[in-house]
Amino acid sequence: MSSAPGGIDFRDGSLEADVKAGLEAVESMLRSSVKSDYPFVTETSQHLVAAGGKRFRPLLVLLSAQFGDPHAPGVVPAAVVVELTHLATLYHDDVMDEALLRRGAASANSRWGNTVAILTGDFLFARASDILADLGPEAVRLQARTFERLVQGQIRETVGPAAGADEVEHYLHVVADKTGSLIGTSGRFGAMLSGADEAAIEVLTRFGERIGMAFQLSDDLLDVVAESADSGKTPGTDLREGVPTLPVLLLRQQAADAADHRLLERLAGDLSDDAALAEVRAALRDHPVIARARAVVQSWADDARATLAPLPDAPAKMALDSLCDYVVQRSS
């Protein structure tokens, strides 16, 4: 048994080799796709590609393609499309969040300014669309509808919940649109472009949406509980920037005594000082609300696993099943 990017355990050597070869092909095409005749655009576009990342979405495309012909010509291009789309949203997100760092390096907006960062994201969307044009109208329509959800999720997050609305439900809706939609589309692209049957396509779309939810919510927990950046996430970033994530929203929802309200006041205060951030993280990490947040992650992972039941028993199904354990364990 060995692990590949994204925390998937392979029990089948041939599947592992096939997926790793696919990822290498994705990486090669991804790097060539962000090149421009204008060297400066190439530099800004390669910034996040070169910074690495989990390549979680391409991985899901490749695994979903195992339920059809994994070597069908549209599979690798579709995996590149979802990663380009993801990277483009990161450029835009960093501008909106005024982020200074992304994947351990200076963010594009802090290095070149907001305008260049926004236009670089647009360039990546354009490149994704160019690749999509060769995959057929159904793929183009799917991407358009996914992009619609990504934008609606960002708007929903920016506007915030309506007066009197449940903040946790609002947040889960944001995560479904901003994260779950593209990961669900990753599963759908892989199955659809490999020629898998309609039942498998629907299963893998639902699986992607649910595992995407679990993955993002486990990221929320990592911000609080991770001991180091080895997890791929710099601990405390969301807390310091005042981003309301699942543990904080649950604390707001169930604050029961003066100690809870004091903790909420500290979370809303200035956490630019490392010592102050460490104290607040420790207090939140020891709070019972973390167990409740973990239960929410577990619930989404369990739902994801349950959706796989109709698929035929195969190494790819077992690999996807292992991902359900990984998203829970990574933030435990």
C-alpha atoms as a PDB file:
ATOM      1  CA  MET A   1       0.000   0.000   0.000  1.00  0.00           C
ATOM      2  CA  SER A   2       1.288   3.467  -0.840  1.00  0.00           C
ATOM      3  CA  SER A   3      -0.001   7.000  -0.822  1.00  0.00           C
ATOM      4  CA  ALA A   4      -0.325   9.398  -3.710  1.00  0.00           C
ATOM      5  CA  PRO A   5      -1.131  13.097  -3.672  1.00  0.00           C
ATOM      6  CA  GLY A   6      -4.502  13.763  -2.119  1.00  0.00           C
ATOM      7  CA  GLY A   7      -4.115  11.074   0.542  1.00  0.00           C
ATOM      8  CA  ILE A   8      -5.389   8.175  -1.565  1.00  0.00           C
ATOM      9  CA  ASP A   9      -4.089   4.725  -0.635  1.00  0.00           C
ATOM     10  CA  PHE A  10      -3.480   2.376  -3.524  1.00  0.00           C
ATOM     11  CA  ARG A  11      -3.723  -1.336  -3.013  1.00  0.00           C
ATOM     12  CA  ASP A  12      -3.218  -2.068  -6.689  1.00  0.00           C
ATOM     13  CA  GLY A  13       0.152  -1.396  -8.258  1.00  0.00           C
ATOM     14  CA  SER A  14      -1.124  -1.063 -11.800  1.00  0.00           C
ATOM     15  CA  LEU A  15      -3.740   1.497 -10.765  1.00  0.00           C
ATOM     16  CA  GLU A  16      -1.130   3.481  -8.873  1.00  0.00           C
ATOM     17  CA  ALA A  17       1.230   3.479 -11.844  1.00  0.00           C
ATOM     18  CA  ASP A  18      -1.564   4.491 -14.202  1.00  0.00           C
ATOM     19  CA  VAL A  19      -2.710   7.389 -12.033  1.00  0.00           C
ATOM     20  CA  LYS A  20       0.827   8.625 -11.419  1.00  0.00           C
ATOM     21  CA  ALA A  21       1.522   8.568 -15.161  1.00  0.00           C
ATOM     22  CA  GLY A  22      -1.685  10.520 -15.666  1.00  0.00           C
ATOM     23  CA  LEU A  23      -0.625  13.106 -13.097  1.00  0.00           C
ATOM     24  CA  GLU A  24       2.715  13.531 -14.847  1.00  0.00           C
ATOM     25  CA  ALA A  25       0.889  14.128 -18.120  1.00  0.00           C
ATOM     26  CA  VAL A  26      -1.378  16.642 -16.383  1.00  0.00           C
ATOM     27  CA  GLU A  27       1.603  18.478 -14.922  1.00  0.00           C
ATOM     28  CA  SER A  28       3.317  18.696 -18.293  1.00  0.00           C
ATOM     29  CA  MET A  29       0.202  20.002 -20.049  1.00  0.00           C
ATOM     30  CA  LEU A  30      -0.539  22.380 -17.171  1.00  0.00           C
ATOM     31  CA  ARG A  31       2.874  24.007 -17.440  1.00  0.00           C
ATOM     32  CA  SER A  32       2.646  24.355 -21.209  1.00  0.00           C
ATOM     33  CA  SER A  33      -0.898  25.757 -20.936  1.00  0.00           C
ATOM     34  CA  VAL A  34       0.171  28.758 -18.874  1.00  0.00           C
ATOM     35  CA  LYS A  35       2.823  29.915 -21.333  1.00  0.00           C
ATOM     36  CA  SER A  36       2.175  33.111 -23.244  1.00  0.00           C
ATOM     37  CA  ASP A  37       3.855  34.959 -26.100  1.00  0.00           C
ATOM     38  CA  TYR A  38       4.266  37.768 -23.572  1.00  0.00           C
ATOM     39  CA  PRO A  39       6.955  36.623 -21.063  1.00  0.00           C
ATOM     40  CA  PHE A  40       5.517  38.654 -18.181  1.00  0.00           C
ATOM     41  CA  VAL A  41       2.158  36.862 -18.492  1.00  0.00           C
ATOM     42  CA  THR A  42       4.006  33.537 -18.501  1.00  0.00           C
ATOM     43  CA  GLU A  43       5.813  34.581 -15.312  1.00  0.00           C
ATOM     44  CA  THR A  44       2.659  35.595 -13.461  1.00  0.00           C
ATOM     45  CA  SER A  45       0.683  32.574 -14.697  1.00  0.00           C
ATOM     46  CA  GLN A  46       3.378  30.090 -13.713  1.00  0.00           C
ATOM     47  CA  HIS A  47       3.599  31.592 -10.227  1.00  0.00           C
ATOM     48  CA  LEU A  48       1.042  29.307  -8.561  1.00  0.00           C
ATOM     49  CA  VAL A  49       1.667  26.347 -10.864  1.00  0.00           C
ATOM     50  CA  ALA A  50       5.308  26.348  -9.783  1.00  0.00           C
ATOM     51  CA  ALA A  51       4.286  26.687  -6.126  1.00  0.00           C
ATOM     52  CA  GLY A  52       2.808  23.189  -6.333  1.00  0.00           C
ATOM     53  CA  GLY A  53      -0.324  22.049  -4.574  1.00  0.00           C
ATOM     54  CA  LYS A  54      -2.237  18.861  -3.936  1.00  0.00           C
ATOM     55  CA  ARG A  55      -3.564  18.508  -7.515  1.00  0.00           C
ATOM     56  CA  PHE A  56      -6.592  17.060  -5.739  1.00  0.00           C
ATOM     57  CA  ARG A  57      -9.028  17.862  -8.533  1.00  0.00           C
ATOM     58  CA  PRO A  58      -6.960  16.346 -11.367  1.00  0.00           C
ATOM     59  CA  LEU A  59      -6.462  13.273  -9.199  1.00  0.00           C
ATOM     60  CA  LEU A  60     -10.209  12.851  -8.847  1.00  0.00           C
ATOM     61  CA  VAL A  61     -10.631  13.224 -12.629  1.00  0.00           C
ATOM     62  CA  LEU A  62      -8.104  10.450 -13.221  1.00  0.00           C
ATOM     63  CA  LEU A  63      -9.600   8.095 -10.643  1.00  0.00           C
ATOM     64  CA  SER A  64     -13.143   8.668 -11.906  1.00  0.00           C
ATOM     65  CA  ALA A  65     -11.946   7.856 -15.431  1.00  0.00           C
ATOM     66  CA  GLN A  66     -11.065   4.369 -14.208  1.00  0.00           C
ATOM     67  CA  PHE A  67     -14.761   3.494 -14.480  1.00  0.00           C
ATOM     68  CA  GLY A  68     -14.560   3.942 -18.246  1.00  0.00           C
ATOM     69  CA  ASP A  69     -11.502   4.125 -20.507  1.00  0.00           C
ATOM     70  CA  PRO A  70      -8.889   5.913 -18.363  1.00  0.00           C
ATOM     71  CA  HIS A  71      -6.770   6.615 -21.440  1.00  0.00           C
ATOM     72  CA  ALA A  72      -9.533   8.286 -23.447  1.00  0.00           C
ATOM     73  CA  PRO A  73      -8.152  11.416 -25.126  1.00  0.00           C
ATOM     74  CA  GLY A  74     -10.241  13.918 -23.153  1.00  0.00           C
ATOM     75  CA  VAL A  75      -9.307  12.749 -19.668  1.00  0.00           C
ATOM     76  CA  VAL A  76      -5.959  14.514 -19.163  1.00  0.00           C
ATOM     77  CA  PRO A  77      -7.152  17.769 -20.803  1.00  0.00           C
ATOM     78  CA  ALA A  78     -10.198  17.771 -18.496  1.00  0.00           C
ATOM     79  CA  ALA A  79      -7.916  17.323 -15.485  1.00  0.00           C
ATOM     80  CA  VAL A  80      -5.908  20.327 -16.664  1.00  0.00           C
ATOM     81  CA  VAL A  81      -9.105  22.357 -17.084  1.00  0.00           C
ATOM     82  CA  VAL A  82     -10.227  21.805 -13.488  1.00  0.00           C
ATOM     83  CA  GLU A  83      -6.798  22.669 -12.116  1.00  0.00           C
ATOM     84  CA  LEU A  84      -6.539  25.818 -14.244  1.00  0.00           C
ATOM     85  CA  THR A  85      -9.980  26.806 -13.010  1.00  0.00           C
ATOM     86  CA  HIS A  86      -8.969  26.194  -9.412  1.00  0.00           C
ATOM     87  CA  LEU A  87      -5.748  28.192  -9.802  1.00  0.00           C
ATOM     88  CA  ALA A  88      -7.613  31.071 -11.438  1.00  0.00           C
ATOM     89  CA  THR A  89      -9.973  31.297  -8.467  1.00  0.00           C
ATOM     90  CA  LEU A  90      -6.976  31.419  -6.104  1.00  0.00           C
ATOM     91  CA  TYR A  91      -5.610  34.507  -7.860  1.00  0.00           C
ATOM     92  CA  HIS A  92      -8.995  36.196  -7.499  1.00  0.00           C
ATOM     93  CA  ASP A  93      -9.529  35.011  -3.912  1.00  0.00           C
ATOM     94  CA  ASP A  94      -6.173  36.421  -2.817  1.00  0.00           C
ATOM     95  CA  VAL A  95      -7.137  39.838  -4.162  1.00  0.00           C
ATOM     96  CA  MET A  96     -10.464  39.771  -2.315  1.00  0.00           C
ATOM     97  CA  ASP A  97      -8.814  38.542   0.886  1.00  0.00           C
ATOM     98  CA  GLU A  98      -5.806  40.876   0.534  1.00  0.00           C
ATOM     99  CA  ALA A  99      -3.654  37.808   1.138  1.00  0.00           C
ATOM    100  CA  LEU A 100       0.115  38.218   1.384  1.00  0.00           C
ATOM    101  CA  LEU A 101       1.054  34.562   1.015  1.00  0.00           C
ATOM    102  CA  ARG A 102      -0.171  31.633  -1.056  1.00  0.00           C
ATOM    103  CA  ARG A 103       1.360  28.159  -0.749  1.00  0.00           C
ATOM    104  CA  GLY A 104       4.283  29.532   1.225  1.00  0.00           C
ATOM    105  CA  ALA A 105       5.228  32.150  -1.392  1.00  0.00           C
ATOM    106  CA  ALA A 106       4.302  35.781  -1.921  1.00  0.00           C
ATOM    107  CA  SER A 107       0.820  35.978  -3.422  1.00  0.00           C
ATOM    108  CA  ALA A 108       0.509  37.362  -6.943  1.00  0.00           C
ATOM    109  CA  ASN A 109      -1.371  40.421  -5.697  1.00  0.00           C
ATOM    110  CA  SER A 110       1.290  41.280  -3.129  1.00  0.00           C
ATOM    111  CA  ARG A 111       4.041  40.795  -5.709  1.00  0.00           C
ATOM    112  CA  TRP A 112       2.532  42.447  -8.794  1.00  0.00           C
ATOM    113  CA  GLY A 113      -0.585  44.224  -7.548  1.00  0.00           C
ATOM    114  CA  ASN A 114      -4.290  43.490  -7.646  1.00  0.00           C
ATOM    115  CA  THR A 115      -4.850  44.354 -11.287  1.00  0.00           C
ATOM    116  CA  VAL A 116      -2.192  41.957 -12.556  1.00  0.00           C
ATOM    117  CA  ALA A 117      -3.444  39.210 -10.225  1.00  0.00           C
ATOM    118  CA  ILE A 118      -7.036  39.586 -11.443  1.00  0.00           C
ATOM    119  CA  LEU A 119      -5.994  39.614 -15.093  1.00  0.00           C
ATOM    120  CA  THR A 120      -3.768  36.573 -14.571  1.00  0.00           C
ATOM    121  CA  GLY A 121      -6.747  34.697 -13.164  1.00  0.00           C
ATOM    122  CA  ASP A 122      -8.737  35.757 -16.221  1.00  0.00           C
ATOM    123  CA  PHE A 123      -5.925  34.509 -18.468  1.00  0.00           C
ATOM    124  CA  LEU A 124      -6.079  31.088 -16.809  1.00  0.00           C
ATOM    125  CA  PHE A 125      -9.855  30.958 -17.252  1.00  0.00           C
ATOM    126  CA  ALA A 126      -9.322  31.761 -20.935  1.00  0.00           C
ATOM    127  CA  ARG A 127      -6.789  28.962 -21.307  1.00  0.00           C
ATOM    128  CA  ALA A 128      -9.165  26.530 -19.620  1.00  0.00           C
ATOM    129  CA  SER A 129     -11.912  27.573 -22.054  1.00  0.00           C
ATOM    130  CA  ASP A 130      -9.611  27.048 -25.027  1.00  0.00           C
ATOM    131  CA  ILE A 131      -8.917  23.468 -23.923  1.00  0.00           C
ATOM    132  CA  LEU A 132     -12.610  22.883 -23.240  1.00  0.00           C
ATOM    133  CA  ALA A 133     -13.527  23.827 -26.809  1.00  0.00           C
ATOM    134  CA  ASP A 134     -11.950  20.556 -27.969  1.00  0.00           C
ATOM    135  CA  LEU A 135     -13.920  18.480 -25.441  1.00  0.00           C
ATOM    136  CA  GLY A 136     -17.360  19.203 -26.847  1.00  0.00           C
ATOM    137  CA  PRO A 137     -20.420  21.292 -25.991  1.00  0.00           C
ATOM    138  CA  GLU A 138     -21.451  19.145 -23.020  1.00  0.00           C
ATOM    139  CA  ALA A 139     -18.081  19.758 -21.353  1.00  0.00           C
ATOM    140  CA  VAL A 140     -18.308  23.489 -22.113  1.00  0.00           C
ATOM    141  CA  ARG A 141     -21.805  23.657 -20.609  1.00  0.00           C
ATOM    142  CA  LEU A 142     -20.679  21.766 -17.502  1.00  0.00           C
ATOM    143  CA  GLN A 143     -17.786  24.161 -16.986  1.00  0.00           C
ATOM    144  CA  ALA A 144     -20.055  27.185 -17.453  1.00  0.00           C
ATOM    145  CA  ARG A 145     -22.510  25.923 -14.866  1.00  0.00           C
ATOM    146  CA  THR A 146     -19.690  25.127 -12.462  1.00  0.00           C
ATOM    147  CA  PHE A 147     -18.232  28.595 -12.922  1.00  0.00           C
ATOM    148  CA  GLU A 148     -21.675  30.040 -12.233  1.00  0.00           C
ATOM    149  CA  ARG A 149     -21.750  28.245  -8.889  1.00  0.00           C
ATOM    150  CA  LEU A 150     -18.209  29.347  -8.038  1.00  0.00           C
ATOM    151  CA  VAL A 151     -19.161  32.974  -8.610  1.00  0.00           C
ATOM    152  CA  GLN A 152     -22.451  32.682  -6.730  1.00  0.00           C
ATOM    153  CA  GLY A 153     -20.641  31.085  -3.808  1.00  0.00           C
ATOM    154  CA  GLN A 154     -18.141  33.934  -3.696  1.00  0.00           C
ATOM    155  CA  ILE A 155     -20.921  36.528  -3.854  1.00  0.00           C
ATOM    156  CA  ARG A 156     -22.853  34.700  -1.142  1.00  0.00           C
ATOM    157  CA  GLU A 157     -19.739  34.707   1.052  1.00  0.00           C
ATOM    158  CA  THR A 158     -19.061  38.392   0.370  1.00  0.00           C
ATOM    159  CA  VAL A 159     -22.619  39.525   1.115  1.00  0.00           C
ATOM    160  CA  GLY A 160     -22.945  37.293   4.179  1.00  0.00           C
ATOM    161  CA  PRO A 161     -26.022  35.659   5.662  1.00  0.00           C
ATOM    162  CA  ALA A 162     -29.337  37.458   5.725  1.00  0.00           C
ATOM    163  CA  ALA A 163     -30.536  38.896   9.020  1.00  0.00           C
ATOM    164  CA  GLY A 164     -31.695  36.086  11.269  1.00  0.00           C
ATOM    165  CA  ALA A 165     -30.373  33.362   8.967  1.00  0.00           C
ATOM    166  CA  ASP A 166     -28.463  30.371  10.305  1.00  0.00           C
ATOM    167  CA  GLU A 167     -24.781  31.290   9.877  1.00  0.00           C
ATOM    168  CA  VAL A 168     -23.642  27.665   9.752  1.00  0.00           C
ATOM    169  CA  GLU A 169     -26.164  26.736   7.051  1.00  0.00           C
ATOM    170  CA  HIS A 170     -25.155  29.811   5.064  1.00  0.00           C
ATOM    171  CA  TYR A 171     -21.498  28.829   5.360  1.00  0.00           C
ATOM    172  CA  LEU A 172     -22.138  25.244   4.258  1.00  0.00           C
ATOM    173  CA  HIS A 173     -23.937  26.600   1.191  1.00  0.00           C
ATOM    174  CA  VAL A 174     -20.902  28.791   0.421  1.00  0.00           C
ATOM    175  CA  VAL A 175     -18.568  25.798   0.720  1.00  0.00           C
ATOM    176  CA  ALA A 176     -20.821  23.689  -1.502  1.00  0.00           C
ATOM    177  CA  ASP A 177     -20.645  26.324  -4.250  1.00  0.00           C
ATOM    178  CA  LYS A 178     -17.042  27.466  -3.860  1.00  0.00           C
ATOM    179  CA  THR A 179     -15.410  24.081  -3.247  1.00  0.00           C
ATOM    180  CA  GLY A 180     -17.863  21.217  -3.680  1.00  0.00           C
ATOM    181  CA  SER A 181     -19.000  22.283  -7.153  1.00  0.00           C
ATOM    182  CA  LEU A 182     -15.596  22.104  -8.857  1.00  0.00           C
ATOM    183  CA  ILE A 183     -14.630  18.867  -7.110  1.00  0.00           C
ATOM    184  CA  GLY A 184     -17.978  17.367  -8.125  1.00  0.00           C
ATOM    185  CA  THR A 185     -17.293  18.492 -11.688  1.00  0.00           C
ATOM    186  CA  SER A 186     -13.885  16.807 -11.485  1.00  0.00           C
ATOM    187  CA  GLY A 187     -15.585  13.486 -10.812  1.00  0.00           C
ATOM    188  CA  ARG A 188     -18.108  14.122 -13.561  1.00  0.00           C
ATOM    189  CA  PHE A 189     -15.481  15.083 -16.149  1.00  0.00           C
ATOM    190  CA  GLY A 190     -13.432  11.948 -15.479  1.00  0.00           C
ATOM    191  CA  ALA A 191     -16.399   9.616 -15.721  1.00  0.00           C
ATOM    192  CA  MET A 192     -18.074  11.398 -18.639  1.00  0.00           C
ATOM    193  CA  LEU A 193     -14.993  11.774 -20.846  1.00  0.00           C
ATOM    194  CA  SER A 194     -13.853   8.213 -20.203  1.00  0.00           C
ATOM    195  CA  GLY A 195     -17.182   6.891 -21.507  1.00  0.00           C
ATOM    196  CA  ALA A 196     -18.426   5.550 -18.162  1.00  0.00           C
ATOM    197  CA  ASP A 197     -22.138   4.756 -17.981  1.00  0.00           C
ATOM    198  CA  GLU A 198     -24.643   7.349 -16.817  1.00  0.00           C
ATOM    199  CA  ALA A 199     -25.118   5.739 -13.407  1.00  0.00           C
ATOM    200  CA  ALA A 200     -21.381   5.923 -12.684  1.00  0.00           C
ATOM    201  CA  ILE A 201     -21.249   9.536 -13.879  1.00  0.00           C
ATOM    202  CA  GLU A 202     -23.961  10.527 -11.408  1.00  0.00           C
ATOM    203  CA  VAL A 203     -22.355   8.597  -8.545  1.00  0.00           C
ATOM    204  CA  LEU A 204     -18.937  10.160  -9.096  1.00  0.00           C
ATOM    205  CA  THR A 205     -20.423  13.651  -9.353  1.00  0.00           C
ATOM    206  CA  ARG A 206     -22.217  13.225  -6.025  1.00  0.00           C
ATOM    207  CA  PHE A 207     -19.114  11.709  -4.467  1.00  0.00           C
ATOM    208  CA  GLY A 208     -16.994  14.648  -5.591  1.00  0.00           C
ATOM    209  CA  GLU A 209     -19.412  17.185  -4.127  1.00  0.00           C
ATOM    210  CA  ARG A 210     -19.505  15.427  -0.773  1.00  0.00           C
ATOM    211  CA  ILE A 211     -15.803  14.694  -0.461  1.00  0.00           C
ATOM    212  CA  GLY A 212     -15.170  18.306  -1.490  1.00  0.00           C
ATOM    213  CA  MET A 213     -17.290  19.488   1.420  1.00  0.00           C
ATOM    214  CA  ALA A 214     -15.454  17.200   3.834  1.00  0.00           C
ATOM    215  CA  PHE A 215     -12.078  18.318   2.489  1.00  0.00           C
ATOM    216  CA  GLN A 216     -12.793  22.030   2.914  1.00  0.00           C
ATOM    217  CA  LEU A 217     -14.277  21.581   6.380  1.00  0.00           C
ATOM    218  CA  SER A 218     -11.250  19.557   7.458  1.00  0.00           C
ATOM    219  CA  ASP A 219      -9.121  22.483   6.225  1.00  0.00           C
ATOM    220  CA  ASP A 220     -11.116  24.675   8.613  1.00  0.00           C
ATOM    221  CA  LEU A 221     -10.142  22.385  11.461  1.00  0.00           C
ATOM    222  CA  LEU A 222      -6.499  22.280  10.391  1.00  0.00           C
ATOM    223  CA  ASP A 223      -6.318  26.031  10.800  1.00  0.00           C
ATOM    224  CA  VAL A 224      -7.012  25.485  14.484  1.00  0.00           C
ATOM    225  CA  VAL A 225      -5.476  22.115  15.328  1.00  0.00           C
ATOM    226  CA  ALA A 226      -2.451  21.700  13.027  1.00  0.00           C
ATOM    227  CA  GLU A 227       0.893  21.861  14.821  1.00  0.00           C
ATOM    228  CA  SER A 228       2.869  22.933  11.768  1.00  0.00           C
ATOM    229  CA  ALA A 229       2.544  23.879   8.115  1.00  0.00           C
ATOM    230  CA  ASP A 230       3.459  20.297   7.157  1.00  0.00           C
ATOM    231  CA  SER A 231      -0.235  19.738   6.543  1.00  0.00           C
ATOM    232  CA  GLY A 232      -0.040  22.134   3.609  1.00  0.00           C
ATOM    233  CA  LYS A 233      -1.917  24.821   5.531  1.00  0.00           C
ATOM    234  CA  THR A 234      -0.271  27.538   7.620  1.00  0.00           C
ATOM    235  CA  PRO A 235      -1.974  27.178  11.026  1.00  0.00           C
ATOM    236  CA  GLY A 236      -3.957  30.147  12.272  1.00  0.00           C
ATOM    237  CA  THR A 237      -4.212  31.940   8.930  1.00  0.00           C
ATOM    238  CA  ASP A 238      -8.012  32.022   8.873  1.00  0.00           C
ATOM    239  CA  LEU A 239      -8.227  33.014  12.534  1.00  0.00           C
ATOM    240  CA  ARG A 240      -5.724  35.839  12.075  1.00  0.00           C
ATOM    241  CA  GLU A 241      -7.563  37.170   9.003  1.00  0.00           C
ATOM    242  CA  GLY A 242     -10.951  36.959  10.703  1.00  0.00           C
ATOM    243  CA  VAL A 243     -12.307  34.418   8.225  1.00  0.00           C
ATOM    244  CA  PRO A 244     -15.398  32.787   9.793  1.00  0.00           C
ATOM    245  CA  THR A 245     -14.869  29.047   9.402  1.00  0.00           C
ATOM    246  CA  LEU A 246     -16.771  26.089  10.812  1.00  0.00           C
ATOM    247  CA  PRO A 247     -15.279  25.937  14.359  1.00  0.00           C
ATOM    248  CA  VAL A 248     -15.783  29.676  14.926  1.00  0.00           C
ATOM    249  CA  LEU A 249     -19.306  29.643  13.498  1.00  0.00           C
ATOM    250  CA  LEU A 250     -20.244  26.691  15.686  1.00  0.00           C
ATOM    251  CA  LEU A 251     -18.840  28.511  18.721  1.00  0.00           C
ATOM    252  CA  ARG A 252     -20.957  31.567  17.895  1.00  0.00           C
ATOM    253  CA  GLN A 253     -23.976  29.339  17.550  1.00  0.00           C
ATOM    254  CA  GLN A 254     -23.564  27.521  20.857  1.00  0.00           C
ATOM    255  CA  ALA A 255     -21.746  30.042  23.090  1.00  0.00           C
ATOM    256  CA  ALA A 256     -23.150  29.145  26.502  1.00  0.00           C
ATOM    257  CA  ASP A 257     -21.254  31.050  29.161  1.00  0.00           C
ATOM    258  CA  ALA A 258     -19.012  34.011  29.863  1.00  0.00           C
ATOM    259  CA  ALA A 259     -15.878  32.046  28.939  1.00  0.00           C
ATOM    260  CA  ASP A 260     -17.290  31.310  25.475  1.00  0.00           C
ATOM    261  CA  HIS A 261     -18.128  34.966  24.923  1.00  0.00           C
ATOM    262  CA  ARG A 262     -14.657  36.040  26.066  1.00  0.00           C
ATOM    263  CA  LEU A 263     -13.147  33.613  23.566  1.00  0.00           C
ATOM    264  CA  LEU A 264     -15.334  35.032  20.811  1.00  0.00           C
ATOM    265  CA  GLU A 265     -14.194  38.548  21.753  1.00  0.00           C
ATOM    266  CA  ARG A 266     -10.567  37.457  21.514  1.00  0.00           C
ATOM    267  CA  LEU A 267     -11.227  35.823  18.140  1.00  0.00           C
ATOM    268  CA  ALA A 268     -12.711  39.097  16.894  1.00  0.00           C
ATOM    269  CA  GLY A 269      -9.750  41.101  18.191  1.00  0.00           C
ATOM    270  CA  ASP A 270      -6.271  41.834  16.862  1.00  0.00           C
ATOM    271  CA  LEU A 271      -4.421  38.555  16.287  1.00  0.00           C
ATOM    272  CA  SER A 272      -1.460  39.995  14.395  1.00  0.00           C
ATOM    273  CA  ASP A 273       0.820  39.141  17.324  1.00  0.00           C
ATOM    274  CA  ASP A 274       2.046  35.528  17.151  1.00  0.00           C
ATOM    275  CA  ALA A 275       1.721  34.989  20.901  1.00  0.00           C
ATOM    276  CA  ALA A 276      -1.865  36.251  20.933  1.00  0.00           C
ATOM    277  CA  LEU A 277      -2.733  34.015  17.991  1.00  0.00           C
ATOM    278  CA  ALA A 278      -1.156  30.982  19.663  1.00  0.00           C
ATOM    279  CA  GLU A 279      -3.157  31.589  22.864  1.00  0.00           C
ATOM    280  CA  VAL A 280      -6.456  31.880  21.019  1.00  0.00           C
ATOM    281  CA  ARG A 281      -5.713  28.810  18.905  1.00  0.00           C
ATOM    282  CA  ALA A 282      -4.927  26.814  22.046  1.00  0.00           C
ATOM    283  CA  ALA A 283      -8.144  27.937  23.735  1.00  0.00           C
ATOM    284  CA  LEU A 284     -10.248  27.064  20.702  1.00  0.00           C
ATOM    285  CA  ARG A 285      -8.430  23.759  20.202  1.00  0.00           C
ATOM    286  CA  ASP A 286      -9.363  22.738  23.760  1.00  0.00           C
ATOM    287  CA  HIS A 287     -13.000  23.754  23.377  1.00  0.00           C
ATOM    288  CA  PRO A 288     -15.727  21.085  22.936  1.00  0.00           C
ATOM    289  CA  VAL A 289     -16.784  22.817  19.728  1.00  0.00           C
ATOM    290  CA  ILE A 290     -13.855  21.105  17.945  1.00  0.00           C
ATOM    291  CA  ALA A 291     -15.451  17.709  18.552  1.00  0.00           C
ATOM    292  CA  ARG A 292     -18.663  19.008  17.058  1.00  0.00           C
ATOM    293  CA  ALA A 293     -16.812  20.329  13.995  1.00  0.00           C
ATOM    294  CA  ARG A 294     -15.098  16.958  13.565  1.00  0.00           C
ATOM    295  CA  ALA A 295     -18.497  15.280  13.670  1.00  0.00           C
ATOM    296  CA  VAL A 296     -19.639  17.493  10.783  1.00  0.00           C
ATOM    297  CA  VAL A 297     -16.559  16.512   8.740  1.00  0.00           C
ATOM    298  CA  GLN A 298     -17.182  12.850   9.572  1.00  0.00           C
ATOM    299  CA  SER A 299     -20.790  13.151   8.446  1.00  0.00           C
ATOM    300  CA  TRP A 300     -19.808  14.512   5.017  1.00  0.00           C
ATOM    301  CA  ALA A 301     -17.121  11.843   4.627  1.00  0.00           C
ATOM    302  CA  ASP A 302     -19.635   9.144   5.558  1.00  0.00           C
ATOM    303  CA  ASP A 303     -22.089  10.519   2.995  1.00  0.00           C
ATOM    304  CA  ALA A 304     -19.345  10.481   0.356  1.00  0.00           C
ATOM    305  CA  ARG A 305     -18.515   6.860   1.130  1.00  0.00           C
ATOM    306  CA  ALA A 306     -22.167   5.847   0.980  1.00  0.00           C
ATOM    307  CA  THR A 307     -22.538   7.297  -2.518  1.00  0.00           C
ATOM    308  CA  LEU A 308     -19.895   4.883  -3.814  1.00  0.00           C
ATOM    309  CA  ALA A 309     -22.000   1.801  -3.021  1.00  0.00           C
ATOM    310  CA  PRO A 310     -23.508   1.358  -6.535  1.00  0.00           C
ATOM    311  CA  LEU A 311     -20.100   1.320  -8.230  1.00  0.00           C
ATOM    312  CA  PRO A 312     -18.607  -2.075  -9.132  1.00  0.00           C
ATOM    313  CA  ASP A 313     -15.961  -3.368  -6.762  1.00  0.00           C
ATOM    314  CA  ALA A 314     -12.652  -2.339  -8.268  1.00  0.00           C
ATOM    315  CA  PRO A 315      -9.306  -0.913  -7.132  1.00  0.00           C
ATOM    316  CA  ALA A 316     -10.453   2.600  -8.088  1.00  0.00           C
ATOM    317  CA  LYS A 317     -13.492   2.298  -5.833  1.00  0.00           C
ATOM    318  CA  MET A 318     -11.293   1.217  -2.914  1.00  0.00           C
ATOM    319  CA  ALA A 319      -8.956   4.138  -3.603  1.00  0.00           C
ATOM    320  CA  LEU A 320     -11.846   6.608  -3.485  1.00  0.00           C
ATOM    321  CA  ASP A 321     -13.153   4.934  -0.338  1.00  0.00           C
ATOM    322  CA  SER A 322      -9.776   5.471   1.342  1.00  0.00           C
ATOM    323  CA  LEU A 323     -10.053   9.171   0.614  1.00  0.00           C
ATOM    324  CA  CYS A 324     -13.049   9.334   2.972  1.00  0.00           C
ATOM    325  CA  ASP A 325     -10.820   8.202   5.837  1.00  0.00           C
ATOM    326  CA  TYR A 326      -8.033  10.562   4.836  1.00  0.00           C
ATOM    327  CA  VAL A 327     -10.132  13.738   4.975  1.00  0.00           C
ATOM    328  CA  VAL A 328     -11.176  12.883   8.530  1.00  0.00           C
ATOM    329  CA  GLN A 329      -7.765  11.743   9.760  1.00  0.00           C
ATOM    330  CA  ARG A 330      -5.834  14.726   8.391  1.00  0.00           C
ATOM    331  CA  SER A 331      -7.487  17.059  10.905  1.00  0.00           C
ATOM    332  CA  SER A 332      -7.690  14.646  13.843  1.00  0.00           C
END
